[in-house]
């Protein structure tokens, strides 16, 4: 079926009048199936059976042999549509003769075959979710501006907050309420929680103010995924970086070309940034750069001060309204020095191995996490309270799971909040009876990674972009945790 056509064909309004519905339609494959005589005139049609194939989307790239990484990835993207088939979905009533013929022609085995009851390609239901019926949707959530970033906050009648949500400054009136973000950060660290707090008024404003502040000398950022189509120029973050370069600042952007399914978009952004003089780098050979960090160097009097942002989510204003993520804005010297070392590592030939506060994959993150788990085990064995709480997207790393099993056997109480894949089995007698695992499925996609280790009442708390997966800990550069 041509991909440019809608998956669902809307039926005339009188069908809705008859059935008391707002909208009615049918999948396009049903329309095709009922009109096959027009596609195959003069032929006797015996039966019709839809099937769906999934191709391998991995890019096979010999980075060390590639003369130009950007050109090499562009070539691999052209090959993706001809990638090997890894899955075939068929409706359950498909005759065996048809399924065997397809398997033979596509070179598939039984393990690649999935019999489906009902609709194939459920992702296309997003078309229905996008229908213009606001009365069927949840009341839109408008992110609020953090109190420290509001002007005239003293004029707010906070007693009215619960009765009148509009009393809290929100994204609808950012220009009326935001303040000089650098002066706010100098007063102390600012932790922001998206989408409950505005990404636009915090992180996006941080980069935008840096781009136009005459005292800012340098902006360095990692871009794993951002919003907008590069051809349409729709990303406010990238627009700020372009403005900064045009204002004569040194701008460095690490654009990860290997961000799966965003490769083409990131190539477009990389070219657009290079055209205005931004120093664009593509990361480290053999590693995917997954960290979400920004460094701003500002002249203040006779000294230079470094401002930083470290987050758990991408620099993407659209997903920041849908995903729960944390971000830390700070001008602590130790964090600024660490990020300086990290960017030297990511953009040059430095191979920095020690950091003051940052834990970096694949340098030291795994070993430090294992040490924290072992510390809780030691506390528990000494008669104290061992406690671990970890929130992440997925847990599949064997070494970390084995350490958690050891902690459970020692009596450490462990709560895991894993949004996606979890290979650890909780509640097994003698192995994991002290481990409790839940997954939160709600209005927003739980995307932040937060790790808590009790440490006898002096807890170690980390945020970062790395899940407890082998690929995040060993094959993704800069999957940082802020300790």
Protein backbone atom coordinates (compact mmCIF):
# COMPACT_ATOMS: atom_id res chain seq x y z
CA UNK A 1 0.00 0.00 0.00
CA UNK A 2 1.46 3.40 -0.94
CA UNK A 3 2.74 5.07 2.23
CA UNK A 4 1.61 8.52 1.11
CA UNK A 5 -2.05 7.47 1.39
CA UNK A 6 -3.92 7.66 4.70
CA UNK A 7 -4.35 4.34 6.50
CA UNK A 8 -8.02 5.00 7.27
CA UNK A 9 -10.63 6.20 4.78
CA UNK A 10 -13.36 8.38 6.25
CA UNK A 11 -16.91 7.39 5.43
CA UNK A 12 -19.66 9.86 4.67
CA UNK A 13 -21.35 11.63 7.57
CA UNK A 14 -24.66 9.76 7.22
CA UNK A 15 -22.99 6.64 8.62
CA UNK A 16 -22.33 8.55 11.82
CA UNK A 17 -25.90 9.81 11.93
CA UNK A 18 -27.15 6.24 11.75
CA UNK A 19 -24.80 4.97 14.46
CA UNK A 20 -24.66 8.05 16.72
CA UNK A 21 -20.89 8.40 16.33
CA UNK A 22 -18.56 11.31 15.69
CA UNK A 23 -16.50 9.70 12.95
CA UNK A 24 -16.50 6.48 10.99
CA UNK A 25 -13.99 5.01 8.61
CA UNK A 26 -12.40 1.82 7.34
CA UNK A 27 -8.79 0.68 6.89
CA UNK A 28 -7.52 1.28 3.39
CA UNK A 29 -6.65 -2.40 2.94
CA UNK A 30 -10.37 -3.24 3.21
CA UNK A 31 -11.16 -0.71 0.49
CA UNK A 32 -8.48 -2.27 -1.72
CA UNK A 33 -9.70 -5.81 -0.98
CA UNK A 34 -13.25 -4.92 -2.03
CA UNK A 35 -12.11 -3.36 -5.32
CA UNK A 36 -9.53 -5.86 -6.53
CA UNK A 37 -11.35 -6.42 -9.82
CA UNK A 38 -10.28 -2.92 -10.87
CA UNK A 39 -6.64 -3.67 -10.09
CA UNK A 40 -6.66 -7.12 -11.76
CA UNK A 41 -9.19 -6.92 -14.61
CA UNK A 42 -9.91 -10.18 -16.38
CA UNK A 43 -8.48 -12.33 -13.56
CA UNK A 44 -10.32 -14.64 -11.18
CA UNK A 45 -9.57 -13.49 -7.63
CA UNK A 46 -9.63 -16.39 -5.19
CA UNK A 47 -8.68 -14.67 -1.91
CA UNK A 48 -6.93 -11.66 -0.40
CA UNK A 49 -4.63 -11.63 2.63
CA UNK A 50 -2.75 -8.59 3.95
CA UNK A 51 0.72 -9.00 5.42
CA UNK A 52 3.26 -6.61 6.89
CA UNK A 53 7.04 -6.89 6.99
CA UNK A 54 9.58 -5.20 9.27
CA UNK A 55 13.09 -4.60 7.99
CA UNK A 56 16.30 -4.37 9.95
CA UNK A 57 16.86 -0.67 10.66
CA UNK A 58 20.39 -1.03 12.03
CA UNK A 59 23.02 0.84 10.06
CA UNK A 60 26.02 -1.35 9.34
CA UNK A 61 28.89 1.10 9.31
CA UNK A 62 32.63 0.59 9.47
CA UNK A 63 33.34 3.97 11.06
CA UNK A 64 37.12 3.57 11.16
CA UNK A 65 37.17 2.94 7.42
CA UNK A 66 34.80 5.76 6.52
CA UNK A 67 36.56 8.79 5.01
CA UNK A 68 33.52 10.99 5.67
CA UNK A 69 31.07 9.84 8.36
CA UNK A 70 28.24 12.07 7.11
CA UNK A 71 28.48 10.76 3.55
CA UNK A 72 28.79 7.19 4.80
CA UNK A 73 25.61 7.42 6.88
CA UNK A 74 23.73 9.08 4.00
CA UNK A 75 24.66 6.10 1.82
CA UNK A 76 23.57 3.62 4.49
CA UNK A 77 20.21 5.42 4.86
CA UNK A 78 19.57 4.88 1.16
CA UNK A 79 20.12 1.15 1.72
CA UNK A 80 17.79 0.95 4.75
CA UNK A 81 14.63 0.52 2.65
CA UNK A 82 16.20 -2.65 1.25
CA UNK A 83 17.31 -4.01 4.63
CA UNK A 84 16.79 -7.65 5.52
CA UNK A 85 13.32 -8.66 6.72
CA UNK A 86 13.29 -9.56 10.41
CA UNK A 87 9.56 -9.98 10.98
CA UNK A 88 6.44 -10.79 8.99
CA UNK A 89 2.95 -10.25 10.38
CA UNK A 90 -0.01 -12.09 8.90
CA UNK A 91 -3.65 -12.21 9.83
CA UNK A 92 -4.37 -15.45 11.64
CA UNK A 93 -6.77 -16.81 8.99
CA UNK A 94 -4.14 -16.63 6.23
CA UNK A 95 -3.85 -20.04 4.49
CA UNK A 96 -0.66 -21.96 5.16
CA UNK A 97 0.12 -22.05 1.44
CA UNK A 98 0.30 -18.23 1.40
CA UNK A 99 2.41 -17.96 4.56
CA UNK A 100 4.84 -20.67 3.38
CA UNK A 101 5.20 -19.00 -0.02
CA UNK A 102 5.96 -15.63 1.56
CA UNK A 103 8.43 -17.17 4.02
CA UNK A 104 10.26 -18.94 1.22
CA UNK A 105 10.45 -15.87 -1.02
CA UNK A 106 11.59 -13.59 1.81
CA UNK A 107 14.01 -16.12 3.29
CA UNK A 108 12.25 -16.29 6.66
CA UNK A 109 11.85 -19.02 9.27
CA UNK A 110 8.94 -19.78 11.59
CA UNK A 111 10.45 -17.62 14.33
CA UNK A 112 10.07 -14.57 12.06
CA UNK A 113 6.36 -15.20 11.55
CA UNK A 114 3.68 -13.55 13.74
CA UNK A 115 -0.01 -14.41 13.39
CA UNK A 116 -2.15 -11.43 14.34
CA UNK A 117 -5.80 -11.21 15.30
CA UNK A 118 -7.24 -8.00 13.94
CA UNK A 119 -5.50 -4.94 12.55
CA UNK A 120 -1.91 -5.01 11.29
CA UNK A 121 0.29 -1.98 11.96
CA UNK A 122 -1.28 -0.59 15.13
CA UNK A 123 0.99 2.46 14.99
CA UNK A 124 -1.32 3.84 12.31
CA UNK A 125 -4.00 4.30 14.98
CA UNK A 126 -2.21 7.58 15.69
CA UNK A 127 -4.21 8.91 12.75
CA UNK A 128 -7.40 8.31 14.70
CA UNK A 129 -5.87 9.74 17.86
CA UNK A 130 -5.16 12.89 15.88
CA UNK A 131 -8.76 13.51 14.81
CA UNK A 132 -10.04 17.00 15.75
CA UNK A 133 -12.35 16.10 18.64
CA UNK A 134 -11.14 18.13 21.65
CA UNK A 135 -14.11 17.00 23.71
CA UNK A 136 -12.71 13.45 23.66
CA UNK A 137 -9.24 14.50 24.80
CA UNK A 138 -7.78 15.16 28.19
CA UNK A 139 -7.68 18.78 29.24
CA UNK A 140 -4.38 20.09 27.88
CA UNK A 141 -1.66 20.55 30.49
CA UNK A 142 0.10 23.89 30.29
CA UNK A 143 3.59 23.71 31.81
CA UNK A 144 4.25 26.31 34.49
CA UNK A 145 7.26 28.56 34.90
CA UNK A 146 9.37 27.68 37.97
CA UNK A 147 8.90 30.29 40.74
CA UNK A 148 12.52 31.47 40.62
CA UNK A 149 12.18 32.32 36.93
CA UNK A 150 9.07 34.46 37.29
CA UNK A 151 8.94 38.22 37.36
CA UNK A 152 6.69 39.89 39.91
CA UNK A 153 6.28 36.61 41.77
CA UNK A 154 5.51 38.59 44.89
CA UNK A 155 2.33 39.83 43.21
CA UNK A 156 0.91 36.33 42.86
CA UNK A 157 -1.84 35.41 45.28
CA UNK A 158 -0.56 31.91 45.99
CA UNK A 159 -3.70 31.12 47.96
CA UNK A 160 -5.56 31.22 44.66
CA UNK A 161 -3.31 28.69 42.91
CA UNK A 162 -5.53 25.67 43.53
CA UNK A 163 -8.67 27.51 42.53
CA UNK A 164 -7.29 29.39 39.53
CA UNK A 165 -4.57 27.60 37.62
CA UNK A 166 -4.04 30.67 35.44
CA UNK A 167 -2.64 32.46 38.49
CA UNK A 168 0.60 30.52 37.90
CA UNK A 169 2.66 31.99 35.05
CA UNK A 170 2.75 29.53 32.19
CA UNK A 171 4.09 29.13 28.67
CA UNK A 172 1.26 31.29 27.38
CA UNK A 173 2.93 34.38 28.79
CA UNK A 174 6.64 33.56 29.05
CA UNK A 175 7.82 36.98 27.86
CA UNK A 176 5.88 38.69 30.63
CA UNK A 177 7.37 36.62 33.42
CA UNK A 178 10.85 35.27 32.70
CA UNK A 179 13.91 36.92 34.23
CA UNK A 180 17.65 36.96 33.55
CA UNK A 181 18.31 33.25 33.80
CA UNK A 182 22.03 33.67 34.52
CA UNK A 183 21.39 35.75 37.62
CA UNK A 184 18.92 33.12 38.84
CA UNK A 185 21.44 30.31 38.36
CA UNK A 186 24.11 32.28 40.23
CA UNK A 187 21.80 32.27 43.26
CA UNK A 188 21.84 28.46 43.33
CA UNK A 189 21.19 25.32 41.30
CA UNK A 190 17.83 25.05 39.57
CA UNK A 191 16.29 21.58 39.07
CA UNK A 192 13.44 21.55 36.56
CA UNK A 193 10.89 18.79 35.99
CA UNK A 194 9.30 18.54 32.56
CA UNK A 195 6.55 18.58 31.37
CA UNK A 196 5.14 19.90 34.64
CA UNK A 197 7.57 22.81 34.45
CA UNK A 198 8.15 24.60 31.19
CA UNK A 199 11.00 23.49 28.93
CA UNK A 200 10.51 26.65 26.87
CA UNK A 201 10.95 28.98 29.86
CA UNK A 202 13.93 27.09 31.28
CA UNK A 203 16.25 25.10 28.99
CA UNK A 204 15.19 26.75 25.75
CA UNK A 205 15.36 30.18 27.39
CA UNK A 206 18.83 29.36 28.75
CA UNK A 207 20.18 28.70 25.24
CA UNK A 208 18.28 31.63 23.71
CA UNK A 209 19.55 34.14 26.27
CA UNK A 210 23.08 32.79 25.85
CA UNK A 211 22.84 33.27 22.09
CA UNK A 212 22.02 36.97 22.41
CA UNK A 213 23.96 37.89 25.57
CA UNK A 214 26.98 40.02 24.56
CA UNK A 215 28.93 38.66 27.54
CA UNK A 216 28.60 35.03 26.43
CA UNK A 217 31.68 33.82 24.60
CA UNK A 218 31.03 30.12 23.99
CA UNK A 219 28.14 27.68 23.73
CA UNK A 220 28.75 23.93 23.48
CA UNK A 221 25.90 21.41 23.17
CA UNK A 222 25.18 17.80 22.37
CA UNK A 223 22.24 17.20 20.03
CA UNK A 224 20.94 13.64 19.99
CA UNK A 225 17.38 14.36 18.90
CA UNK A 226 15.70 17.72 18.44
CA UNK A 227 12.37 18.81 17.00
CA UNK A 228 11.42 20.12 13.61
CA UNK A 229 12.40 19.24 10.08
CA UNK A 230 15.84 20.56 9.14
CA UNK A 231 14.50 21.50 5.73
CA UNK A 232 11.85 23.71 7.34
CA UNK A 233 14.13 25.19 10.01
CA UNK A 234 11.68 24.48 12.80
CA UNK A 235 13.90 23.87 15.85
CA UNK A 236 14.15 26.77 18.35
CA UNK A 237 17.26 25.21 19.92
CA UNK A 238 19.06 25.04 16.57
CA UNK A 239 17.82 28.54 15.71
CA UNK A 240 19.44 29.84 18.90
CA UNK A 241 22.73 28.13 18.02
CA UNK A 242 22.61 29.68 14.56
CA UNK A 243 21.90 33.11 16.09
CA UNK A 244 24.82 32.64 18.50
CA UNK A 245 27.20 31.87 15.64
CA UNK A 246 25.94 34.87 13.69
CA UNK A 247 26.52 36.99 16.81
CA UNK A 248 30.20 36.02 16.74
CA UNK A 249 30.23 33.47 19.57
CA UNK A 250 32.17 30.25 19.46
CA UNK A 251 29.53 27.56 19.01
CA UNK A 252 30.24 23.84 19.12
CA UNK A 253 27.51 21.29 18.43
CA UNK A 254 28.03 17.57 18.73
CA UNK A 255 25.34 16.17 16.42
CA UNK A 256 24.89 12.44 16.81
CA UNK A 257 24.33 11.20 13.27
CA UNK A 258 23.62 7.66 14.48
CA UNK A 259 20.44 8.52 16.46
CA UNK A 260 18.16 5.79 15.09
CA UNK A 261 15.42 7.05 12.76
CA UNK A 262 16.62 10.64 13.23
CA UNK A 263 19.73 10.17 11.10
CA UNK A 264 18.36 12.05 8.10
CA UNK A 265 17.09 14.92 10.22
CA UNK A 266 20.36 15.21 12.11
CA UNK A 267 22.33 15.26 8.88
CA UNK A 268 20.18 18.20 7.80
CA UNK A 269 20.77 20.04 11.06
CA UNK A 270 24.51 19.37 10.88
CA UNK A 271 24.73 20.89 7.41
CA UNK A 272 22.60 23.86 8.41
CA UNK A 273 24.80 24.57 11.45
CA UNK A 274 28.02 24.17 9.49
CA UNK A 275 26.80 26.67 6.88
CA UNK A 276 26.69 29.45 9.50
CA UNK A 277 30.07 28.67 11.03
CA UNK A 278 29.14 26.38 13.90
CA UNK A 279 31.87 23.85 14.70
CA UNK A 280 29.99 20.60 14.16
CA UNK A 281 31.42 17.27 15.25
CA UNK A 282 29.87 13.84 14.93
CA UNK A 283 31.10 12.15 18.09
CA UNK A 284 33.53 9.34 18.76
CA UNK A 285 34.35 6.42 16.51
CA UNK A 286 32.66 3.28 17.77
CA UNK A 287 30.48 5.08 20.31
CA UNK A 288 27.06 6.73 20.14
CA UNK A 289 26.90 10.01 22.05
CA UNK A 290 23.71 9.93 24.09
CA UNK A 291 24.37 12.54 26.79
CA UNK A 292 22.20 15.67 26.99
CA UNK A 293 24.49 18.50 28.07
CA UNK A 294 25.11 22.17 27.38
CA UNK A 295 27.97 24.43 28.46
CA UNK A 296 27.90 28.25 28.31
CA UNK A 297 31.01 30.32 29.06
CA UNK A 298 30.26 33.92 30.07
CA UNK A 299 32.54 36.87 30.82
CA UNK A 300 31.59 38.51 34.14
CA UNK A 301 33.88 41.36 35.06
CA UNK A 302 37.45 40.09 35.00
CA UNK A 303 36.53 36.43 35.31
CA UNK A 304 34.91 33.73 33.19
CA UNK A 305 32.01 31.76 34.62
CA UNK A 306 30.70 28.46 33.25
CA UNK A 307 26.97 27.74 33.23
CA UNK A 308 25.75 24.23 32.52
CA UNK A 309 22.64 22.20 31.79
CA UNK A 310 22.56 18.44 32.30
CA UNK A 311 19.33 16.61 31.53
CA UNK A 312 17.75 13.22 31.19
CA UNK A 313 15.84 14.13 28.02
CA UNK A 314 16.56 15.43 24.55
CA UNK A 315 16.72 19.07 23.53
CA UNK A 316 13.31 18.76 21.96
CA UNK A 317 10.51 21.16 22.96
CA UNK A 318 7.84 18.83 21.54
CA UNK A 319 8.78 15.68 23.47
CA UNK A 320 9.43 17.86 26.54
CA UNK A 321 5.66 18.32 26.70
CA UNK A 322 5.04 14.57 26.52
CA UNK A 323 7.96 12.95 28.38
CA UNK A 324 8.82 13.27 32.06
CA UNK A 325 12.42 14.43 32.37
CA UNK A 326 14.70 16.25 34.78
CA UNK A 327 17.22 18.96 34.04
CA UNK A 328 19.81 20.68 36.22
CA UNK A 329 20.90 24.26 35.59
CA UNK A 330 23.99 25.25 37.55
CA UNK A 331 27.14 27.35 37.61
CA UNK A 332 29.01 25.19 40.11
CA UNK A 333 32.67 25.29 39.21
CA UNK A 334 33.19 21.54 39.57
CA UNK A 335 30.35 20.76 37.17
CA UNK A 336 31.57 23.38 34.68
CA UNK A 337 35.10 21.95 34.82
CA UNK A 338 33.75 18.43 34.32
CA UNK A 339 31.67 19.45 31.31
CA UNK A 340 34.67 21.27 29.84
CA UNK A 341 36.68 18.06 30.14
CA UNK A 342 33.78 16.05 28.68
CA UNK A 343 33.44 18.30 25.63
CA UNK A 344 37.20 18.13 25.10
CA UNK A 345 36.80 14.35 25.19
CA UNK A 346 33.87 14.35 22.78
CA UNK A 347 35.14 16.93 20.32
CA UNK A 348 38.91 16.44 20.34
CA UNK A 349 41.63 13.96 21.09
CA UNK A 350 41.49 14.19 24.89
CA UNK A 351 40.91 10.91 26.70
CA UNK A 352 39.96 12.20 30.12
CA UNK A 353 39.46 9.38 32.62
CA UNK A 354 38.58 11.13 35.89
CA UNK A 355 35.81 13.59 36.72
CA UNK A 356 34.89 15.54 39.81
CA UNK A 357 31.12 15.05 39.87
CA UNK A 358 30.10 13.54 36.53
CA UNK A 359 29.99 9.82 35.96
CA UNK A 360 30.51 9.09 32.30
CA UNK A 361 29.83 5.99 30.24
CA UNK A 362 31.86 4.11 29.18
CA UNK A 363 34.59 5.64 31.38
CA UNK A 364 33.42 5.16 34.97
CA UNK A 365 29.62 4.95 35.18
CA UNK A 366 29.27 1.17 35.36
CA UNK A 367 31.98 0.66 37.99
CA UNK A 368 30.68 3.51 40.13
CA UNK A 369 27.14 2.13 40.05
CA UNK A 370 28.41 -1.30 41.08
CA UNK A 371 30.33 0.30 43.95
CA UNK A 372 27.17 2.05 45.19
CA UNK A 373 25.26 -1.24 45.16
CA UNK A 374 28.09 -2.96 47.03
CA UNK A 375 28.10 -0.14 49.57
CA UNK A 376 24.42 -0.77 50.35
CA UNK A 377 25.21 -4.48 50.73
CA UNK A 378 27.97 -3.65 53.21
CA UNK A 379 25.67 -1.37 55.23
CA UNK A 380 23.02 -4.10 55.37
CA UNK A 381 25.50 -6.76 56.50
CA UNK A 382 26.76 -4.44 59.25
CA UNK A 383 23.27 -4.27 60.70
CA UNK A 384 22.29 -0.97 59.12
CA UNK A 385 19.57 -0.25 56.59
CA UNK A 386 20.36 -0.88 52.93
CA UNK A 387 18.02 0.80 50.44
CA UNK A 388 18.04 1.33 46.67
CA UNK A 389 15.44 3.04 44.47
CA UNK A 390 16.08 3.23 40.71
CA UNK A 391 13.92 4.66 37.93
CA UNK A 392 14.88 4.00 34.33
CA UNK A 393 13.59 3.09 30.88
CA UNK A 394 15.02 -0.43 30.79
CA UNK A 395 17.06 -2.90 32.82
CA UNK A 396 18.85 -5.66 30.93
CA UNK A 397 22.52 -5.40 31.92
CA UNK A 398 23.68 -8.74 33.36
CA UNK A 399 26.36 -7.39 35.71
CA UNK A 400 24.07 -4.83 37.31
CA UNK A 401 21.21 -7.31 37.64
CA UNK A 402 23.54 -9.81 39.30
CA UNK A 403 24.63 -7.09 41.75
CA UNK A 404 20.98 -6.31 42.55
CA UNK A 405 20.32 -10.00 43.19
CA UNK A 406 23.27 -10.05 45.62
CA UNK A 407 21.90 -6.97 47.35
CA UNK A 408 18.48 -8.58 47.70
CA UNK A 409 20.02 -11.73 49.16
CA UNK A 410 21.84 -9.55 51.71
CA UNK A 411 18.52 -8.00 52.74
CA UNK A 412 18.72 -4.66 50.90
CA UNK A 413 15.24 -3.35 50.03
CA UNK A 414 15.10 -2.44 46.35
CA UNK A 415 12.35 -0.63 44.43
CA UNK A 416 12.72 -0.52 40.65
CA UNK A 417 10.54 1.66 38.41
CA UNK A 418 11.21 0.41 34.89
CA UNK A 419 9.14 1.90 32.11
CA UNK A 420 10.07 -0.64 29.42
CA UNK A 421 12.08 -3.85 29.26
CA UNK A 422 13.06 -5.45 32.58
CA UNK A 423 14.98 -8.73 32.48
CA UNK A 424 15.28 -8.98 36.26
CA UNK A 425 12.77 -11.28 37.98
CA UNK A 426 11.54 -9.94 41.33
CA UNK A 427 10.10 -11.92 44.23
CA UNK A 428 12.03 -15.17 43.72
CA UNK A 429 12.66 -16.89 47.10
CA UNK A 430 16.31 -16.83 48.10
CA UNK A 431 17.22 -14.56 45.19
CA UNK A 432 15.07 -11.48 44.70
CA UNK A 433 12.34 -11.48 47.37
CA UNK A 434 13.49 -8.00 48.47
CA UNK A 435 13.12 -6.53 44.97
CA UNK A 436 9.88 -4.86 43.88
CA UNK A 437 9.40 -3.83 40.24
CA UNK A 438 6.66 -1.62 38.79
CA UNK A 439 6.12 0.21 35.51
CA UNK A 440 4.30 3.53 35.31
CA UNK A 441 2.00 3.91 32.33
CA UNK A 442 0.19 7.23 32.46
CA UNK A 443 -0.54 10.40 30.59
CA UNK A 444 3.14 11.18 30.04
CA UNK A 445 5.93 8.85 28.95
CA UNK A 446 8.24 8.22 31.89
CA UNK A 447 11.68 9.01 30.48
CA UNK A 448 13.82 10.30 33.35
CA UNK A 449 16.52 8.17 34.98
CA UNK A 450 16.90 8.70 38.73
CA UNK A 451 18.96 6.56 41.09
CA UNK A 452 18.86 6.68 44.92
CA UNK A 453 21.23 4.92 47.31
CA UNK A 454 20.43 5.40 51.02
CA UNK A 455 24.00 5.33 52.41
CA UNK A 456 22.98 5.43 56.09
CA UNK A 457 20.96 8.62 55.72
CA UNK A 458 23.51 10.47 53.58
CA UNK A 459 22.10 9.44 50.22
CA UNK A 460 23.76 9.46 46.83
CA UNK A 461 21.26 10.58 44.18
CA UNK A 462 22.01 10.57 40.47
CA UNK A 463 20.23 11.67 37.32
CA UNK A 464 21.39 10.96 33.80
CA UNK A 465 20.64 9.77 30.31
CA UNK A 466 21.88 6.18 30.63
CA UNK A 467 19.63 3.18 31.19
CA UNK A 468 21.01 0.03 32.79
CA UNK A 469 21.65 -1.62 29.46
CA UNK A 470 24.97 -2.92 28.17
CA UNK A 471 24.77 -0.66 25.13
CA UNK A 472 24.25 2.43 27.32
CA UNK A 473 27.04 1.59 29.72
CA UNK A 474 29.63 0.24 27.27
CA UNK A 475 28.82 1.48 23.77
CA UNK A 476 27.31 4.93 24.23
CA UNK A 477 29.73 7.73 24.94
CA UNK A 478 28.88 10.35 27.55
CA UNK A 479 25.79 8.68 29.02
CA UNK A 480 26.41 10.84 32.07
CA UNK A 481 25.06 10.67 35.56
CA UNK A 482 25.20 13.73 37.81
CA UNK A 483 26.22 12.72 41.30
